Protein backbone atom coordinates (compact mmCIF):
# COMPACT_ATOMS: atom_id res chain seq x y z
CA MET A 1 43.16 189.79 135.13
CA ALA A 2 40.00 188.52 136.80
CA ILE A 3 39.85 191.59 139.05
CA THR A 4 40.45 193.89 136.06
CA ALA A 5 37.62 192.28 134.08
CA GLY A 6 35.37 192.59 137.11
CA PHE A 7 36.31 196.23 137.69
CA ALA A 8 35.54 197.18 134.08
CA ALA A 9 32.25 195.27 134.20
CA GLY A 10 31.26 197.02 137.44
CA CYS A 11 31.89 200.45 135.90
CA ILE A 12 29.89 199.61 132.77
CA ASN A 13 26.98 198.01 134.60
CA THR A 14 26.52 200.88 137.04
CA LEU A 15 25.99 203.57 134.42
CA SER A 16 24.98 201.52 131.40
CA GLY A 17 24.67 197.77 131.02
CA ASN A 18 26.15 194.56 129.58
CA GLY A 19 29.38 194.54 131.54
CA SER A 20 28.70 190.81 131.78
CA ILE A 21 30.11 190.39 128.28
CA LEU A 22 33.53 191.02 129.84
CA THR A 23 33.18 188.72 132.83
CA LEU A 24 31.42 185.92 130.93
CA GLY A 25 33.91 186.23 128.08
CA PHE A 26 36.82 186.06 130.52
CA MET A 27 35.46 182.96 132.24
CA THR A 28 34.52 181.04 129.09
CA GLU A 29 37.29 182.09 126.69
CA VAL A 30 40.26 182.69 129.00
CA LEU A 31 39.56 180.24 131.83
CA GLY A 32 37.75 177.69 129.65
CA MET A 33 34.81 177.49 132.04
CA PRO A 34 31.63 175.77 130.77
CA ALA A 35 28.95 178.29 129.77
CA GLN A 36 26.39 177.26 132.40
CA LEU A 37 28.98 177.33 135.20
CA ALA A 38 30.12 180.77 134.04
CA ASN A 39 26.51 181.96 133.94
CA GLY A 40 26.06 181.03 137.58
CA THR A 41 29.46 182.27 138.74
CA ASN A 42 28.85 185.63 137.06
CA ARG A 43 26.05 186.38 139.52
CA LEU A 44 28.44 186.82 142.45
CA GLY A 45 30.03 189.86 140.85
CA LEU A 46 26.65 191.26 139.84
CA PHE A 47 25.41 191.08 143.42
CA THR A 48 28.56 192.59 144.93
CA GLN A 49 28.60 195.38 142.36
CA GLY A 50 24.90 196.07 142.91
CA VAL A 51 25.27 196.39 146.68
CA ALA A 52 28.35 198.62 146.35
CA SER A 53 26.75 200.86 143.71
CA LEU A 54 23.49 201.27 145.59
CA GLU A 55 25.33 202.14 148.80
CA ALA A 56 27.37 204.75 146.94
CA PHE A 57 24.21 206.25 145.43
CA ARG A 58 22.62 206.27 148.91
CA ARG A 59 25.56 208.15 150.40
CA ASN A 60 25.19 210.76 147.69
CA ASN A 61 21.41 211.06 148.26
CA ARG A 62 20.58 209.67 144.82
CA LEU A 63 18.95 206.38 145.84
CA GLY A 64 15.22 206.05 145.19
CA LEU A 65 12.57 203.75 143.72
CA TYR A 66 11.14 206.47 141.45
CA ASP A 67 7.64 204.90 141.51
CA SER A 68 8.98 201.70 139.97
CA GLN A 69 8.01 199.13 142.60
CA GLY A 70 5.66 197.34 140.20
CA TYR A 71 8.34 197.07 137.54
CA ILE A 72 10.88 195.77 140.05
CA LEU A 73 8.58 193.11 141.52
CA SER A 74 7.51 191.92 138.06
CA GLY A 75 11.15 191.63 137.03
CA ILE A 76 12.05 189.62 140.13
CA VAL A 77 9.28 187.09 139.43
CA GLY A 78 10.44 186.70 135.84
CA ALA A 79 14.09 186.38 136.87
CA LEU A 80 13.39 183.46 139.19
CA ALA A 81 11.63 181.61 136.37
CA GLY A 82 14.50 182.43 134.00
CA ALA A 83 17.14 181.15 136.43
CA LEU A 84 15.33 177.85 136.88
CA THR A 85 15.01 177.52 133.10
CA SER A 86 18.73 178.17 132.59
CA VAL A 87 19.56 175.24 134.87
CA PHE A 88 18.05 172.84 132.33
CA LEU A 89 18.43 174.73 129.03
CA ASP A 90 21.61 175.97 127.37
CA ALA A 91 21.53 179.62 126.29
CA GLY A 92 23.60 179.06 123.13
CA SER A 93 20.51 178.70 120.94
CA PHE A 94 19.67 182.37 121.55
CA ARG A 95 23.00 183.66 120.23
CA GLN A 96 21.86 184.52 116.69
CA VAL A 97 18.72 186.29 117.90
CA TYR A 98 20.79 188.14 120.48
CA LYS A 99 23.24 189.34 117.82
CA MET A 100 20.45 190.88 115.77
CA LEU A 101 18.84 192.48 118.82
CA MET A 102 22.11 194.12 119.85
CA LEU A 103 22.79 195.38 116.33
CA GLY A 104 19.30 196.88 116.17
CA MET A 105 19.75 198.42 119.61
CA LEU A 106 22.99 200.09 118.49
CA VAL A 107 21.21 201.69 115.53
CA LEU A 108 18.37 202.92 117.76
CA ALA A 109 20.83 204.34 120.28
CA LEU A 110 22.67 206.31 117.60
CA VAL A 111 19.49 207.76 116.08
CA ARG A 112 18.27 210.86 117.92
CA PRO A 113 20.70 210.73 120.86
CA GLU A 114 18.83 213.59 122.53
CA ARG A 115 16.25 211.03 123.67
CA TRP A 116 18.90 209.59 125.99
CA ILE A 117 20.56 212.68 127.42
CA ARG A 118 17.66 214.90 128.43
CA ALA A 119 17.92 215.27 132.21
CA ASN A 120 14.42 216.61 132.86
CA LEU A 121 11.84 214.26 131.43
CA GLU A 122 8.18 213.88 132.28
CA SER A 123 8.08 210.30 133.48
CA ARG A 124 5.32 208.08 132.23
CA GLN A 125 3.52 205.17 133.88
CA LEU A 126 2.31 202.11 132.03
CA PRO A 127 -0.94 200.29 132.86
CA ARG A 128 -0.51 197.03 134.73
CA TYR A 129 -1.66 194.84 131.86
CA ILE A 130 1.31 196.17 129.86
CA TYR A 131 4.12 196.56 132.39
CA ILE A 132 3.61 193.29 134.28
CA PRO A 133 4.16 190.96 131.27
CA LEU A 134 6.81 193.31 129.84
CA PHE A 135 8.95 193.32 132.97
CA VAL A 136 8.32 189.64 133.69
CA VAL A 137 9.82 188.86 130.27
CA LEU A 138 12.67 191.28 130.91
CA GLY A 139 13.34 189.68 134.28
CA PHE A 140 13.11 186.19 132.76
CA TYR A 141 15.88 187.10 130.34
CA GLY A 142 17.97 188.53 133.17
CA GLY A 143 17.53 185.39 135.24
CA PHE A 144 18.26 183.21 132.22
CA ILE A 145 21.55 184.76 131.11
CA GLN A 146 21.72 188.44 132.27
CA MET A 147 24.12 189.52 129.49
CA GLY A 148 22.47 192.46 127.72
CA MET A 149 19.55 192.71 130.11
CA GLY A 150 20.67 196.14 131.35
CA ILE A 151 20.64 197.52 127.80
CA PHE A 152 17.09 196.30 127.15
CA PHE A 153 16.01 197.62 130.55
CA LEU A 154 17.45 201.07 129.93
CA PHE A 155 15.90 201.26 126.49
CA ILE A 156 12.44 200.68 127.98
CA MET A 157 12.94 202.97 130.98
CA VAL A 158 14.40 205.89 129.03
CA ASN A 159 12.53 205.72 125.72
CA ILE A 160 9.14 204.40 126.81
CA LEU A 161 8.83 205.44 130.46
CA LYS A 162 10.82 208.67 129.96
CA THR A 163 13.03 208.10 133.02
CA PRO A 164 16.39 209.96 133.13
CA ILE A 165 19.20 207.53 132.44
CA VAL A 166 20.83 207.75 135.89
CA GLU A 167 17.51 207.17 137.69
CA ALA A 168 16.77 204.31 135.30
CA ASN A 169 20.12 202.75 136.17
CA ILE A 170 19.34 202.99 139.89
CA VAL A 171 16.02 201.19 139.37
CA LYS A 172 17.85 198.58 137.28
CA LEU A 173 20.41 198.06 140.06
CA ILE A 174 17.69 197.62 142.70
CA MET A 175 15.87 195.02 140.60
CA VAL A 176 18.96 193.10 139.47
CA THR A 177 20.59 193.07 142.92
CA SER A 178 17.35 191.84 144.51
CA TYR A 179 16.80 188.92 142.18
CA THR A 180 20.51 188.07 141.91
CA LEU A 181 20.68 187.15 145.60
CA LEU A 182 17.86 184.65 145.06
CA ILE A 183 19.43 183.35 141.84
CA ILE A 184 22.76 182.71 143.60
CA ILE A 185 20.92 180.37 145.97
CA ILE A 186 19.37 178.52 143.01
CA PHE A 187 22.65 178.14 141.10
CA HIS A 188 24.53 177.08 144.24
CA HIS A 189 21.93 174.38 144.85
CA TYR A 190 22.49 173.00 141.35
CA ARG A 191 26.30 173.27 141.71
CA MET A 192 26.64 175.88 138.99
CA MET A 193 28.93 178.22 140.95
CA ASP A 194 32.72 178.51 141.04
CA TRP A 195 32.94 180.46 144.28
CA ARG A 196 36.70 181.03 144.18
CA THR A 197 36.74 182.58 140.70
CA GLY A 198 33.48 184.38 141.31
CA MET A 199 34.67 186.07 144.48
CA ILE A 200 37.89 187.28 142.84
CA ILE A 201 35.88 188.84 140.00
CA ALA A 202 33.39 190.19 142.54
CA LEU A 203 36.12 192.15 144.34
CA GLY A 204 36.90 194.07 141.17
CA GLN A 205 33.27 194.40 140.17
CA GLY A 206 32.27 195.81 143.53
CA ALA A 207 35.10 198.35 143.39
CA GLY A 208 34.11 199.39 139.87
CA GLY A 209 30.47 199.80 140.84
CA TRP A 210 31.33 201.82 143.94
CA MET A 211 33.64 204.16 142.05
CA MET A 212 31.28 204.72 139.12
CA ALA A 213 28.26 205.36 141.37
CA HIS A 214 30.16 208.01 143.33
CA TRP A 215 31.36 209.62 140.12
CA ALA A 216 27.89 209.55 138.53
CA SER A 217 26.39 211.19 141.62
CA ARG A 218 28.72 214.17 141.45
CA VAL A 219 29.71 214.88 137.86
CA PRO A 220 27.65 217.45 135.91
CA ASN A 221 25.89 216.41 132.68
CA VAL A 222 26.09 212.79 133.75
CA GLU A 223 23.28 211.88 131.31
CA LYS A 224 25.64 212.61 128.40
CA TRP A 225 28.33 210.39 129.88
CA GLY A 226 25.73 207.69 130.54
CA TYR A 227 24.68 207.81 126.90
CA VAL A 228 28.31 207.59 125.70
CA LEU A 229 28.97 204.57 127.91
CA PHE A 230 25.67 203.01 126.83
CA VAL A 231 26.60 203.26 123.13
CA ALA A 232 30.14 202.03 123.85
CA ALA A 233 28.77 198.99 125.72
CA ILE A 234 26.49 198.05 122.81
CA ALA A 235 29.26 198.60 120.26
CA LEU A 236 31.60 196.39 122.31
CA THR A 237 28.91 193.72 122.46
CA VAL A 238 28.25 193.83 118.71
CA MET A 239 31.98 193.58 117.95
CA LYS A 240 32.30 190.59 120.26
CA LEU A 241 29.22 188.79 118.92
CA PHE A 242 30.24 189.21 115.28
CA GLY A 243 33.78 187.97 115.97
CA TRP A 244 35.54 191.34 115.58
CA LEU A 245 36.83 191.29 119.16
CA ALA A 246 38.61 188.49 120.97
CA PHE A 247 39.82 188.21 124.55
């Protein structure tokens, strides 16, 4: 079951985001793992999936930074601060705010879906005084809890920066994989890692990421599939947060 949850999360994270709702839900609700320990353990699968997905994209000649180095570096700085904060602060207090954000994101995703599935967009660059604080905050959230970070990231990349959804996912994977390696070191130091459970989940998550990245590199009209998976991931999250879905 752990490998299955990881595999599904790897597929979702590679082309959309918020697969962590499956792995975190499995660890806390099925295994009874404390929330902070699950938050740390979850990073093993994220890192394995990120490496596998990026390698698959590279083999299919889809890997690139797409002029996003500034966004990536800003996110990494924020993520390190978020990880250190999560060591001393429980994330449960953000649950109500998170529920409303996800519900609002679902509405925005369903309105004018053409914004998400256009393959040829004229990408836009933000000035530093806007993108640095924006991506630091985004990275902080990712370092703090990660769950849902991919959805927020894609919303900004696709709707504000006009990046095609597959390219936006690649940039997301580069940023998340980079800071996750550093966060694993932090959580291990504070003994917030269950390595045995995490590695079992990571096997499935890496396989899911590898498979989805290969598929996304080859299938036509992948933007449409990315949008469908994006909406499904948010809908799954909303159902879980409002108690309509149990593991």
